[in-house]
Amino acid sequence: MAIRSDARLGGSIPQHNRVPEGLGIRPLFHSVRDIALILDKTVKAGYGVIKSGTIMSVCSITGNLVPYAQTNADENDTNAKSYLVASPGSAATVCNVGIEDSYKFQVGDSLVMDGSGTGTDEVQSIACATPWATGSVYVLTHGSTTLSATQGATQTLAGIVAVFQGLSGYSAAPFTITAGTNALTITFKVSGPQAEKAQYVKDGGSAVIGTTTTPGVE
């Protein structure tokens, strides 16, 4: 005779479960084991579509992810920046942004105000001593830009500056050239610091390297 129990066990008779089978233990990972270190994360609201590969940082308040903002907002290729709708002034304690950006902020956030957006163009000076002789060749370089000017009949600093300004490639250069006090004044067209100093070589001699007189500010 068979032995029955509330546990549905009886002698040597195999156990039978007459109820639907569940999903069992939930999987630990949602991806293949080779990339099992990828964990589910929550992105802070307000950032819209975020491109694959965007570098993210962790919000210290919520622990949620936010796109990592670069130092220079003009070059920031993420949407972690927000533009002010009006200049707040240097002593302002209240700043206003558009409604589409308002969801990015909450009490306690740390923010960086990146200036007015105009910045300061860097100015460099290159000493240019006398004499300025007709036929002398000045080769001015900065980064990938090279300008070559030959002193004309006007044997002055203003004369060689005029030759530089009349070159066909002058308008495309990232700077302007004017006459300083016994020096070429190089004023850059884009705000911010310059990684290199402008320099020139006269008649194949030694390079004369410029110095920064007005630092660039982003």
N, C-alpha and C. Protein backbone atom coordinates (compact mmCIF):
# COMPACT_ATOMS: atom_id res chain seq x y z
N MET A 1 0.85 -1.18 0.00
CA MET A 1 0.00 0.00 0.00
C MET A 1 0.88 1.23 0.00
N ALA A 2 0.41 2.29 -0.64
CA ALA A 2 1.19 3.52 -0.73
C ALA A 2 1.06 4.34 0.54
N ILE A 3 2.18 4.99 0.90
CA ILE A 3 2.20 5.85 2.08
C ILE A 3 2.07 7.29 1.61
N ARG A 4 1.10 8.00 2.16
CA ARG A 4 0.85 9.38 1.75
C ARG A 4 1.22 10.33 2.87
N SER A 5 1.55 11.54 2.48
CA SER A 5 1.84 12.57 3.48
C SER A 5 1.41 13.92 2.92
N ASP A 6 1.34 14.90 3.81
CA ASP A 6 0.98 16.25 3.34
C ASP A 6 2.03 16.84 2.42
N ALA A 7 3.24 16.30 2.51
CA ALA A 7 4.30 16.79 1.64
C ALA A 7 4.28 16.14 0.27
N ARG A 8 3.26 15.36 0.02
CA ARG A 8 3.09 14.66 -1.26
C ARG A 8 4.23 13.70 -1.52
N LEU A 9 4.77 13.15 -0.48
CA LEU A 9 5.81 12.14 -0.63
C LEU A 9 5.24 10.79 -0.20
N GLY A 10 5.58 9.76 -0.89
CA GLY A 10 5.06 8.45 -0.51
C GLY A 10 6.01 7.34 -0.89
N GLY A 11 6.66 6.74 0.11
CA GLY A 11 7.52 5.60 -0.12
C GLY A 11 8.54 5.89 -1.19
N SER A 12 8.64 4.99 -2.16
CA SER A 12 9.60 5.14 -3.24
C SER A 12 8.98 5.77 -4.47
N ILE A 13 7.76 6.28 -4.33
CA ILE A 13 7.09 6.90 -5.48
C ILE A 13 7.70 8.27 -5.74
N PRO A 14 8.11 8.61 -6.96
CA PRO A 14 8.70 9.94 -7.24
C PRO A 14 7.73 11.06 -6.91
N GLN A 15 8.30 12.24 -6.57
CA GLN A 15 7.47 13.40 -6.25
C GLN A 15 6.90 14.02 -7.52
N HIS A 16 5.66 14.44 -7.44
CA HIS A 16 4.99 15.09 -8.58
C HIS A 16 4.48 16.44 -8.12
N ASN A 17 4.86 17.50 -8.82
CA ASN A 17 4.33 18.82 -8.54
C ASN A 17 3.24 19.12 -9.55
N ARG A 18 2.03 19.28 -9.07
CA ARG A 18 0.91 19.49 -9.98
C ARG A 18 0.50 20.97 -9.99
N VAL A 19 1.49 21.87 -9.95
CA VAL A 19 1.25 23.31 -10.02
C VAL A 19 2.17 23.88 -11.11
N PRO A 20 1.83 25.05 -11.67
CA PRO A 20 2.69 25.62 -12.72
C PRO A 20 4.09 25.94 -12.20
N GLU A 21 5.08 25.73 -13.06
CA GLU A 21 6.45 26.04 -12.70
C GLU A 21 6.69 27.56 -12.82
N GLY A 22 7.39 28.16 -11.84
CA GLY A 22 7.73 29.58 -11.90
C GLY A 22 9.00 29.83 -12.69
N LEU A 23 9.46 31.11 -12.72
CA LEU A 23 10.66 31.48 -13.46
C LEU A 23 11.93 31.08 -12.73
N GLY A 24 11.78 30.70 -11.48
CA GLY A 24 12.96 30.32 -10.72
C GLY A 24 13.71 31.55 -10.23
N ILE A 25 14.96 31.34 -9.90
CA ILE A 25 15.79 32.43 -9.39
C ILE A 25 16.10 33.42 -10.52
N ARG A 26 15.95 34.74 -10.23
CA ARG A 26 16.22 35.74 -11.25
C ARG A 26 17.70 35.72 -11.63
N PRO A 27 18.00 35.92 -12.90
CA PRO A 27 19.41 35.94 -13.32
C PRO A 27 20.16 37.10 -12.68
N LEU A 28 21.41 36.88 -12.32
CA LEU A 28 22.21 37.92 -11.70
C LEU A 28 22.58 39.01 -12.70
N PHE A 29 22.82 38.62 -13.95
CA PHE A 29 23.24 39.57 -14.96
C PHE A 29 22.23 39.61 -16.10
N HIS A 30 22.13 40.77 -16.74
CA HIS A 30 21.24 40.93 -17.87
C HIS A 30 21.97 40.78 -19.20
N SER A 31 23.24 40.55 -19.16
CA SER A 31 24.03 40.45 -20.39
C SER A 31 24.90 39.20 -20.31
N VAL A 32 25.66 38.99 -21.36
CA VAL A 32 26.53 37.82 -21.40
C VAL A 32 27.62 37.96 -20.34
N ARG A 33 28.17 36.86 -19.92
CA ARG A 33 29.13 36.87 -18.82
C ARG A 33 30.38 37.69 -19.14
N ASP A 34 30.73 37.81 -20.44
CA ASP A 34 31.93 38.56 -20.80
C ASP A 34 31.84 40.04 -20.46
N ILE A 35 30.62 40.55 -20.38
CA ILE A 35 30.43 41.97 -20.03
C ILE A 35 29.57 42.08 -18.78
N ALA A 36 29.75 41.13 -17.88
CA ALA A 36 28.89 41.07 -16.70
C ALA A 36 29.12 42.21 -15.72
N LEU A 37 30.20 42.98 -15.89
CA LEU A 37 30.46 44.09 -14.98
C LEU A 37 29.62 45.32 -15.33
N ILE A 38 28.90 45.29 -16.44
CA ILE A 38 28.02 46.39 -16.79
C ILE A 38 26.80 46.34 -15.88
N LEU A 39 26.57 47.41 -15.14
CA LEU A 39 25.47 47.45 -14.18
C LEU A 39 24.40 48.42 -14.63
N ASP A 40 23.17 48.16 -14.22
CA ASP A 40 22.08 49.07 -14.53
C ASP A 40 22.29 50.39 -13.80
N LYS A 41 22.12 51.50 -14.51
CA LYS A 41 22.26 52.82 -13.92
C LYS A 41 21.07 53.69 -14.33
N THR A 42 20.81 54.70 -13.52
CA THR A 42 19.73 55.63 -13.81
C THR A 42 20.32 56.99 -14.16
N VAL A 43 19.88 57.58 -15.26
CA VAL A 43 20.35 58.89 -15.68
C VAL A 43 19.44 59.96 -15.11
N LYS A 44 20.02 61.01 -14.60
CA LYS A 44 19.24 62.12 -14.05
C LYS A 44 18.38 62.73 -15.15
N ALA A 45 17.17 63.13 -14.78
CA ALA A 45 16.21 63.66 -15.76
C ALA A 45 16.68 64.98 -16.34
N GLY A 46 16.23 65.26 -17.56
CA GLY A 46 16.47 66.55 -18.17
C GLY A 46 17.50 66.56 -19.28
N TYR A 47 18.13 65.42 -19.56
CA TYR A 47 19.22 65.42 -20.53
C TYR A 47 18.82 64.87 -21.89
N GLY A 48 17.58 64.48 -22.06
CA GLY A 48 17.12 64.05 -23.37
C GLY A 48 17.87 62.85 -23.89
N VAL A 49 18.13 62.84 -25.21
CA VAL A 49 18.83 61.73 -25.85
C VAL A 49 20.33 61.88 -25.60
N ILE A 50 20.94 60.85 -25.07
CA ILE A 50 22.38 60.84 -24.80
C ILE A 50 23.03 59.83 -25.74
N LYS A 51 24.03 60.27 -26.48
CA LYS A 51 24.68 59.42 -27.46
C LYS A 51 25.45 58.29 -26.80
N SER A 52 25.47 57.15 -27.47
CA SER A 52 26.26 56.02 -26.99
C SER A 52 27.73 56.42 -26.93
N GLY A 53 28.40 56.07 -25.83
CA GLY A 53 29.80 56.41 -25.66
C GLY A 53 30.04 57.70 -24.92
N THR A 54 28.96 58.41 -24.54
CA THR A 54 29.12 59.65 -23.78
C THR A 54 29.74 59.37 -22.42
N ILE A 55 30.75 60.13 -22.04
CA ILE A 55 31.37 59.97 -20.73
C ILE A 55 30.42 60.50 -19.67
N MET A 56 30.16 59.71 -18.64
CA MET A 56 29.19 60.08 -17.61
C MET A 56 29.90 60.24 -16.27
N SER A 57 29.30 61.05 -15.41
CA SER A 57 29.76 61.18 -14.03
C SER A 57 28.57 60.96 -13.11
N VAL A 58 28.84 60.79 -11.83
CA VAL A 58 27.79 60.45 -10.87
C VAL A 58 27.39 61.68 -10.07
N CYS A 59 26.10 61.97 -10.02
CA CYS A 59 25.59 63.07 -9.22
C CYS A 59 25.77 62.75 -7.74
N SER A 60 26.44 63.64 -7.01
CA SER A 60 26.72 63.38 -5.60
C SER A 60 25.47 63.44 -4.74
N ILE A 61 24.38 64.02 -5.25
CA ILE A 61 23.15 64.14 -4.47
C ILE A 61 22.29 62.89 -4.61
N THR A 62 22.07 62.45 -5.85
CA THR A 62 21.14 61.34 -6.10
C THR A 62 21.83 60.03 -6.43
N GLY A 63 23.09 60.09 -6.83
CA GLY A 63 23.76 58.88 -7.29
C GLY A 63 23.45 58.55 -8.73
N ASN A 64 22.62 59.35 -9.39
CA ASN A 64 22.29 59.13 -10.79
C ASN A 64 23.41 59.66 -11.69
N LEU A 65 23.40 59.19 -12.92
CA LEU A 65 24.42 59.60 -13.87
C LEU A 65 24.03 60.89 -14.57
N VAL A 66 25.05 61.71 -14.87
CA VAL A 66 24.87 62.92 -15.67
C VAL A 66 26.01 62.96 -16.68
N PRO A 67 25.78 63.55 -17.87
CA PRO A 67 26.88 63.68 -18.83
C PRO A 67 28.01 64.52 -18.22
N TYR A 68 29.24 64.09 -18.44
CA TYR A 68 30.40 64.80 -17.89
C TYR A 68 30.62 66.07 -18.68
N ALA A 69 30.62 67.20 -17.98
CA ALA A 69 30.77 68.50 -18.65
C ALA A 69 32.25 68.87 -18.75
N GLN A 70 32.67 69.33 -19.94
CA GLN A 70 34.03 69.79 -20.13
C GLN A 70 34.19 71.17 -19.52
N THR A 71 35.45 71.57 -19.32
CA THR A 71 35.71 72.86 -18.69
C THR A 71 35.23 74.01 -19.54
N ASN A 72 35.49 73.96 -20.83
CA ASN A 72 35.12 75.04 -21.72
C ASN A 72 33.76 74.76 -22.33
N ALA A 73 32.75 75.53 -21.96
CA ALA A 73 31.39 75.28 -22.43
C ALA A 73 31.27 75.43 -23.94
N ASP A 74 32.10 76.31 -24.55
CA ASP A 74 32.03 76.51 -25.99
C ASP A 74 32.41 75.24 -26.74
N GLU A 75 33.27 74.42 -26.15
CA GLU A 75 33.74 73.21 -26.82
C GLU A 75 33.06 71.96 -26.26
N ASN A 76 32.10 72.14 -25.34
CA ASN A 76 31.44 71.01 -24.69
C ASN A 76 30.58 70.27 -25.70
N ASP A 77 30.90 69.00 -25.98
CA ASP A 77 30.15 68.24 -26.96
C ASP A 77 29.05 67.39 -26.32
N THR A 78 28.71 67.64 -25.06
CA THR A 78 27.59 66.95 -24.42
C THR A 78 26.49 67.96 -24.17
N ASN A 79 25.36 67.48 -23.67
CA ASN A 79 24.27 68.39 -23.34
C ASN A 79 24.20 68.64 -21.84
N ALA A 80 25.36 68.58 -21.17
CA ALA A 80 25.39 68.82 -19.73
C ALA A 80 25.48 70.30 -19.40
N LYS A 81 25.55 71.14 -20.41
CA LYS A 81 25.64 72.58 -20.18
C LYS A 81 24.25 73.21 -20.35
N SER A 82 24.07 74.36 -19.73
CA SER A 82 22.83 75.12 -19.86
C SER A 82 23.18 76.57 -20.07
N TYR A 83 22.52 77.22 -21.01
CA TYR A 83 22.80 78.62 -21.29
C TYR A 83 21.88 79.51 -20.47
N LEU A 84 22.46 80.57 -19.90
CA LEU A 84 21.68 81.55 -19.17
C LEU A 84 20.88 82.40 -20.15
N VAL A 85 19.66 82.76 -19.76
CA VAL A 85 18.81 83.54 -20.65
C VAL A 85 19.15 85.03 -20.59
N ALA A 86 19.92 85.44 -19.59
CA ALA A 86 20.35 86.83 -19.47
C ALA A 86 21.62 86.87 -18.65
N SER A 87 22.43 87.90 -18.88
CA SER A 87 23.66 88.04 -18.11
C SER A 87 23.34 88.35 -16.67
N PRO A 88 23.82 87.53 -15.72
CA PRO A 88 23.46 87.73 -14.31
C PRO A 88 24.33 88.76 -13.59
N GLY A 89 25.46 89.13 -14.21
CA GLY A 89 26.39 90.02 -13.52
C GLY A 89 27.31 89.23 -12.61
N SER A 90 28.47 89.80 -12.31
CA SER A 90 29.50 89.10 -11.56
C SER A 90 29.12 88.83 -10.10
N ALA A 91 28.22 89.63 -9.53
CA ALA A 91 27.86 89.48 -8.11
C ALA A 91 26.49 88.84 -7.93
N ALA A 92 25.91 88.31 -9.00
CA ALA A 92 24.56 87.76 -8.92
C ALA A 92 24.51 86.48 -8.10
N THR A 93 23.42 86.30 -7.37
CA THR A 93 23.18 85.06 -6.62
C THR A 93 22.05 84.25 -7.23
N VAL A 94 21.37 84.80 -8.24
CA VAL A 94 20.27 84.12 -8.92
C VAL A 94 20.54 84.14 -10.42
N CYS A 95 20.43 82.98 -11.05
CA CYS A 95 20.62 82.86 -12.49
C CYS A 95 19.39 82.18 -13.09
N ASN A 96 19.03 82.57 -14.30
CA ASN A 96 17.85 82.01 -14.95
C ASN A 96 18.24 81.24 -16.21
N VAL A 97 17.61 80.07 -16.38
CA VAL A 97 17.79 79.26 -17.57
C VAL A 97 16.43 79.00 -18.19
N GLY A 98 16.43 78.48 -19.41
CA GLY A 98 15.17 78.15 -20.08
C GLY A 98 14.48 76.97 -19.45
N ILE A 99 13.18 76.82 -19.71
CA ILE A 99 12.39 75.75 -19.11
C ILE A 99 12.92 74.37 -19.51
N GLU A 100 13.48 74.28 -20.74
CA GLU A 100 13.99 72.98 -21.21
C GLU A 100 15.22 72.53 -20.44
N ASP A 101 15.91 73.48 -19.79
CA ASP A 101 17.09 73.14 -18.99
C ASP A 101 16.81 73.07 -17.50
N SER A 102 15.66 73.54 -17.07
CA SER A 102 15.39 73.65 -15.64
C SER A 102 15.37 72.29 -14.94
N TYR A 103 15.04 71.23 -15.66
CA TYR A 103 14.95 69.90 -15.04
C TYR A 103 16.32 69.32 -14.69
N LYS A 104 17.39 69.97 -15.13
CA LYS A 104 18.73 69.45 -14.86
C LYS A 104 19.23 69.81 -13.47
N PHE A 105 18.51 70.67 -12.78
CA PHE A 105 19.03 71.20 -11.52
C PHE A 105 18.13 70.85 -10.34
N GLN A 106 18.76 70.71 -9.17
CA GLN A 106 18.02 70.56 -7.93
C GLN A 106 18.86 71.16 -6.80
N VAL A 107 18.24 71.39 -5.69
CA VAL A 107 18.91 72.02 -4.56
C VAL A 107 20.15 71.21 -4.17
N GLY A 108 21.26 71.90 -3.99
CA GLY A 108 22.50 71.24 -3.57
C GLY A 108 23.46 70.94 -4.69
N ASP A 109 23.04 71.13 -5.95
CA ASP A 109 23.94 70.88 -7.08
C ASP A 109 25.11 71.85 -7.06
N SER A 110 26.27 71.38 -7.50
CA SER A 110 27.44 72.23 -7.68
C SER A 110 27.51 72.65 -9.13
N LEU A 111 27.62 73.97 -9.37
CA LEU A 111 27.59 74.50 -10.73
C LEU A 111 28.85 75.29 -11.02
N VAL A 112 29.19 75.41 -12.29
CA VAL A 112 30.31 76.22 -12.74
C VAL A 112 29.77 77.22 -13.76
N MET A 113 29.98 78.52 -13.50
CA MET A 113 29.56 79.56 -14.45
C MET A 113 30.75 79.88 -15.33
N ASP A 114 30.59 79.69 -16.64
CA ASP A 114 31.70 79.81 -17.57
C ASP A 114 31.70 81.17 -18.24
N GLY A 115 31.78 82.23 -17.48
CA GLY A 115 31.94 83.57 -18.02
C GLY A 115 30.77 84.05 -18.85
N SER A 116 31.00 85.12 -19.57
CA SER A 116 29.96 85.74 -20.38
C SER A 116 29.90 85.17 -21.79
N GLY A 117 30.88 84.36 -22.15
CA GLY A 117 30.92 83.80 -23.49
C GLY A 117 31.77 84.61 -24.45
N THR A 118 32.20 85.82 -24.04
CA THR A 118 33.01 86.66 -24.93
C THR A 118 34.49 86.37 -24.75
N GLY A 119 34.95 86.24 -23.50
CA GLY A 119 36.35 85.91 -23.24
C GLY A 119 37.29 87.05 -23.62
N THR A 120 38.58 86.74 -23.58
CA THR A 120 39.62 87.71 -23.90
C THR A 120 40.56 87.11 -24.94
N ASP A 121 40.82 87.86 -26.01
CA ASP A 121 41.74 87.40 -27.04
C ASP A 121 43.17 87.59 -26.55
N GLU A 122 43.99 86.56 -26.73
CA GLU A 122 45.39 86.66 -26.30
C GLU A 122 46.16 87.58 -27.25
N VAL A 123 47.08 88.34 -26.68
CA VAL A 123 47.96 89.22 -27.46
C VAL A 123 49.40 88.84 -27.16
N GLN A 124 50.20 88.66 -28.21
CA GLN A 124 51.62 88.35 -28.08
C GLN A 124 52.44 89.41 -28.80
N SER A 125 53.64 89.64 -28.30
CA SER A 125 54.52 90.65 -28.87
C SER A 125 55.84 90.00 -29.25
N ILE A 126 56.31 90.29 -30.48
CA ILE A 126 57.59 89.75 -30.96
C ILE A 126 58.52 90.93 -31.25
N ALA A 127 59.61 91.01 -30.52
CA ALA A 127 60.56 92.10 -30.71
C ALA A 127 61.07 92.13 -32.14
N CYS A 128 61.10 93.32 -32.72
CA CYS A 128 61.52 93.47 -34.11
C CYS A 128 62.48 94.66 -34.18
N ALA A 129 63.76 94.40 -34.02
CA ALA A 129 64.76 95.47 -33.92
C ALA A 129 65.13 96.03 -35.29
N THR A 130 65.65 97.23 -35.29
CA THR A 130 66.16 97.85 -36.51
C THR A 130 67.49 97.20 -36.89
N PRO A 131 67.96 97.33 -38.13
CA PRO A 131 67.30 98.10 -39.20
C PRO A 131 66.31 97.23 -39.98
N TRP A 132 65.33 97.88 -40.58
CA TRP A 132 64.42 97.21 -41.49
C TRP A 132 64.89 97.52 -42.90
N ALA A 133 65.53 96.55 -43.52
CA ALA A 133 66.17 96.79 -44.82
C ALA A 133 65.31 96.26 -45.95
N THR A 134 65.28 96.99 -47.03
CA THR A 134 64.55 96.55 -48.22
C THR A 134 65.10 95.19 -48.68
N GLY A 135 64.19 94.27 -48.95
CA GLY A 135 64.59 92.93 -49.39
C GLY A 135 64.70 91.90 -48.29
N SER A 136 64.68 92.33 -47.01
CA SER A 136 64.72 91.36 -45.91
C SER A 136 63.43 90.54 -45.88
N VAL A 137 63.58 89.26 -45.62
CA VAL A 137 62.42 88.35 -45.63
C VAL A 137 62.10 87.93 -44.20
N TYR A 138 60.86 88.15 -43.79
CA TYR A 138 60.38 87.74 -42.47
C TYR A 138 59.41 86.57 -42.66
N VAL A 139 59.69 85.43 -42.01
CA VAL A 139 58.80 84.28 -42.06
C VAL A 139 58.19 84.12 -40.67
N LEU A 140 56.91 84.44 -40.57
CA LEU A 140 56.19 84.41 -39.30
C LEU A 140 55.38 83.12 -39.20
N THR A 141 55.51 82.41 -38.09
CA THR A 141 54.78 81.16 -37.92
C THR A 141 54.09 81.11 -36.57
N HIS A 142 52.95 80.41 -36.57
CA HIS A 142 52.25 80.08 -35.33
C HIS A 142 51.43 78.83 -35.61
N GLY A 143 51.78 77.72 -34.95
CA GLY A 143 51.09 76.47 -35.21
C GLY A 143 51.27 76.07 -36.66
N SER A 144 50.14 75.86 -37.35
CA SER A 144 50.18 75.45 -38.77
C SER A 144 50.15 76.64 -39.72
N THR A 145 50.14 77.86 -39.18
CA THR A 145 50.07 79.06 -40.01
C THR A 145 51.47 79.62 -40.27
N THR A 146 51.78 79.88 -41.54
CA THR A 146 53.07 80.47 -41.92
C THR A 146 52.81 81.61 -42.90
N LEU A 147 53.37 82.77 -42.58
CA LEU A 147 53.27 83.94 -43.46
C LEU A 147 54.68 84.44 -43.76
N SER A 148 54.95 84.70 -45.03
CA SER A 148 56.27 85.18 -45.44
C SER A 148 56.13 86.54 -46.10
N ALA A 149 56.86 87.54 -45.58
CA ALA A 149 56.77 88.90 -46.12
C ALA A 149 58.17 89.43 -46.42
N THR A 150 58.28 90.15 -47.53
CA THR A 150 59.55 90.75 -47.94
C THR A 150 59.47 92.27 -47.77
N GLN A 151 60.43 92.82 -47.03
CA GLN A 151 60.44 94.27 -46.78
C GLN A 151 60.52 95.04 -48.09
N GLY A 152 59.60 95.99 -48.23
CA GLY A 152 59.58 96.80 -49.44
C GLY A 152 60.43 98.05 -49.29
N ALA A 153 60.08 99.06 -50.07
CA ALA A 153 60.86 100.29 -50.06
C ALA A 153 60.69 101.08 -48.77
N THR A 154 59.57 100.87 -48.08
CA THR A 154 59.34 101.55 -46.80
C THR A 154 60.10 100.79 -45.72
N GLN A 155 61.25 101.32 -45.34
CA GLN A 155 62.14 100.61 -44.41
C GLN A 155 61.80 100.96 -42.96
N THR A 156 60.60 100.60 -42.57
CA THR A 156 60.13 100.83 -41.20
C THR A 156 59.35 99.62 -40.73
N LEU A 157 59.07 99.59 -39.43
CA LEU A 157 58.25 98.52 -38.89
C LEU A 157 56.86 98.56 -39.52
N ALA A 158 56.31 99.75 -39.68
CA ALA A 158 55.00 99.89 -40.31
C ALA A 158 55.03 99.35 -41.74
N GLY A 159 56.19 99.49 -42.40
CA GLY A 159 56.31 99.00 -43.77
C GLY A 159 56.19 97.49 -43.86
N ILE A 160 56.88 96.76 -42.99
CA ILE A 160 56.80 95.30 -43.05
C ILE A 160 55.45 94.81 -42.57
N VAL A 161 54.83 95.53 -41.62
CA VAL A 161 53.48 95.17 -41.17
C VAL A 161 52.50 95.30 -42.33
N ALA A 162 52.65 96.38 -43.12
CA ALA A 162 51.77 96.58 -44.27
C ALA A 162 51.92 95.44 -45.28
N VAL A 163 53.16 94.95 -45.45
CA VAL A 163 53.38 93.82 -46.36
C VAL A 163 52.67 92.58 -45.84
N PHE A 164 52.79 92.30 -44.54
CA PHE A 164 52.10 91.15 -43.96
C PHE A 164 50.58 91.27 -44.18
N GLN A 165 50.04 92.44 -43.92
CA GLN A 165 48.60 92.63 -44.03
C GLN A 165 48.11 92.53 -45.47
N GLY A 166 49.01 92.72 -46.42
CA GLY A 166 48.61 92.63 -47.83
C GLY A 166 48.75 91.24 -48.43
N LEU A 167 49.26 90.28 -47.67
CA LEU A 167 49.43 88.92 -48.19
C LEU A 167 48.07 88.27 -48.44
N SER A 168 48.01 87.39 -49.43
CA SER A 168 46.75 86.73 -49.78
C SER A 168 46.24 85.81 -48.66
N GLY A 169 47.15 85.25 -47.86
CA GLY A 169 46.73 84.34 -46.79
C GLY A 169 46.53 85.02 -45.45
N TYR A 170 46.68 86.35 -45.44
CA TYR A 170 46.60 87.06 -44.15
C TYR A 170 45.21 86.98 -43.53
N SER A 171 44.16 87.14 -44.33
CA SER A 171 42.80 87.15 -43.78
C SER A 171 42.40 85.80 -43.18
N ALA A 172 43.03 84.72 -43.66
CA ALA A 172 42.70 83.39 -43.14
C ALA A 172 43.50 83.03 -41.90
N ALA A 173 44.49 83.83 -41.55
CA ALA A 173 45.31 83.55 -40.37
C ALA A 173 44.47 83.71 -39.09
N PRO A 174 44.80 82.98 -38.03
CA PRO A 174 44.01 83.06 -36.80
C PRO A 174 44.35 84.27 -35.94
N PHE A 175 45.08 85.23 -36.50
CA PHE A 175 45.50 86.40 -35.75
C PHE A 175 45.62 87.60 -36.69
N THR A 176 45.74 88.78 -36.10
CA THR A 176 46.04 89.99 -36.87
C THR A 176 47.42 90.47 -36.47
N ILE A 177 48.06 91.24 -37.34
CA ILE A 177 49.41 91.76 -37.10
C ILE A 177 49.36 93.29 -37.16
N THR A 178 49.83 93.93 -36.12
CA THR A 178 49.93 95.39 -36.09
C THR A 178 51.31 95.77 -35.57
N ALA A 179 51.63 97.06 -35.69
CA ALA A 179 52.94 97.55 -35.25
C ALA A 179 52.87 98.00 -33.80
N GLY A 180 53.74 97.42 -32.97
CA GLY A 180 53.86 97.86 -31.59
C GLY A 180 55.08 98.75 -31.45
N THR A 181 55.65 98.80 -30.26
CA THR A 181 56.87 99.57 -30.03
C THR A 181 58.07 98.68 -30.31
N ASN A 182 58.66 98.86 -31.51
CA ASN A 182 59.77 98.00 -31.95
C ASN A 182 59.42 96.51 -31.84
N ALA A 183 58.17 96.19 -32.14
CA ALA A 183 57.72 94.81 -32.04
C ALA A 183 56.49 94.60 -32.91
N LEU A 184 56.34 93.36 -33.36
CA LEU A 184 55.10 92.97 -34.03
C LEU A 184 54.09 92.58 -32.96
N THR A 185 52.89 93.12 -33.04
CA THR A 185 51.84 92.77 -32.09
C THR A 185 50.90 91.77 -32.75
N ILE A 186 50.79 90.60 -32.16
CA ILE A 186 49.97 89.51 -32.69
C ILE A 186 48.73 89.38 -31.82
N THR A 187 47.56 89.67 -32.36
CA THR A 187 46.29 89.59 -31.62
C THR A 187 45.46 88.46 -32.21
N PHE A 188 45.13 87.47 -31.39
CA PHE A 188 44.41 86.30 -31.88
C PHE A 188 42.91 86.59 -31.99
N LYS A 189 42.27 85.93 -32.95
CA LYS A 189 40.88 86.20 -33.26
C LYS A 189 39.90 85.39 -32.41
N VAL A 190 40.38 84.35 -31.75
CA VAL A 190 39.52 83.50 -30.92
C VAL A 190 39.94 83.65 -29.47
N SER A 191 38.96 83.86 -28.59
CA SER A 191 39.28 84.04 -27.18
C SER A 191 39.85 82.77 -26.56
N GLY A 192 40.64 82.96 -25.52
CA GLY A 192 41.22 81.81 -24.83
C GLY A 192 42.73 81.80 -24.92
N PRO A 193 43.38 81.03 -24.05
CA PRO A 193 44.85 80.97 -24.05
C PRO A 193 45.39 80.23 -25.27
N GLN A 194 46.57 80.61 -25.70
CA GLN A 194 47.23 79.97 -26.84
C GLN A 194 48.32 79.04 -26.33
N ALA A 195 48.34 77.84 -26.87
CA ALA A 195 49.32 76.84 -26.43
C ALA A 195 50.71 77.13 -26.96
N GLU A 196 50.81 77.92 -28.04
CA GLU A 196 52.10 78.19 -28.66
C GLU A 196 52.35 79.68 -28.76
N LYS A 197 53.62 80.04 -28.87
CA LYS A 197 54.02 81.42 -29.08
C LYS A 197 54.31 81.64 -30.57
N ALA A 198 53.88 82.77 -31.09
CA ALA A 198 54.23 83.13 -32.47
C ALA A 198 55.72 83.48 -32.53
N GLN A 199 56.32 83.29 -33.69
CA GLN A 199 57.74 83.60 -33.85
C GLN A 199 58.03 83.93 -35.32
N TYR A 200 59.14 84.58 -35.56
CA TYR A 200 59.53 84.83 -36.93
C TYR A 200 61.03 84.58 -37.09
N VAL A 201 61.42 84.32 -38.33
CA VAL A 201 62.82 84.17 -38.70
C VAL A 201 63.10 85.20 -39.78
N LYS A 202 64.14 86.03 -39.58
CA LYS A 202 64.50 87.07 -40.54
C LYS A 202 65.72 86.64 -41.33
N ASP A 203 65.56 86.59 -42.64
CA ASP A 203 66.66 86.27 -43.55
C ASP A 203 67.37 84.97 -43.17
N GLY A 204 66.59 83.97 -42.72
CA GLY A 204 67.16 82.66 -42.41
C GLY A 204 67.96 82.61 -41.12
N GLY A 205 67.86 83.64 -40.29
CA GLY A 205 68.61 83.65 -39.03
C GLY A 205 67.91 82.88 -37.93
N SER A 206 68.21 83.24 -36.70
CA SER A 206 67.63 82.56 -35.54
C SER A 206 66.19 83.02 -35.33
N ALA A 207 65.39 82.14 -34.78
CA ALA A 207 63.99 82.46 -34.53
C ALA A 207 63.87 83.45 -33.38
N VAL A 208 62.97 84.42 -33.55
CA VAL A 208 62.65 85.38 -32.50
C VAL A 208 61.26 85.01 -32.00
N ILE A 209 61.19 84.60 -30.74
CA ILE A 209 59.94 84.06 -30.18
C ILE A 209 59.20 85.14 -29.42
N GLY A 210 57.90 85.18 -29.59
CA GLY A 210 57.08 86.18 -28.95
C GLY A 210 56.82 85.89 -27.48
N THR A 211 56.32 86.90 -26.78
CA THR A 211 55.91 86.78 -25.37
C THR A 211 54.46 87.21 -25.25
N THR A 212 53.78 86.67 -24.28
CA THR A 212 52.37 87.01 -24.07
C THR A 212 52.27 88.30 -23.27
N THR A 213 51.59 89.29 -23.84
CA THR A 213 51.38 90.56 -23.13
C THR A 213 49.97 90.64 -22.54
N THR A 214 49.00 89.97 -23.18
CA THR A 214 47.64 89.87 -22.65
C THR A 214 47.21 88.40 -22.70
N PRO A 215 47.11 87.74 -21.56
CA PRO A 215 46.71 86.33 -21.56
C PRO A 215 45.29 86.15 -22.08
N GLY A 216 45.07 85.09 -22.83
CA GLY A 216 43.73 84.80 -23.33
C GLY A 216 42.88 84.17 -22.24
N VAL A 217 41.60 84.52 -22.22
CA VAL A 217 40.65 83.98 -21.26
C VAL A 217 39.44 83.46 -22.02
N GLU A 218 39.03 82.23 -21.69
CA GLU A 218 37.88 81.63 -22.38
C GLU A 218 36.59 82.24 -21.84
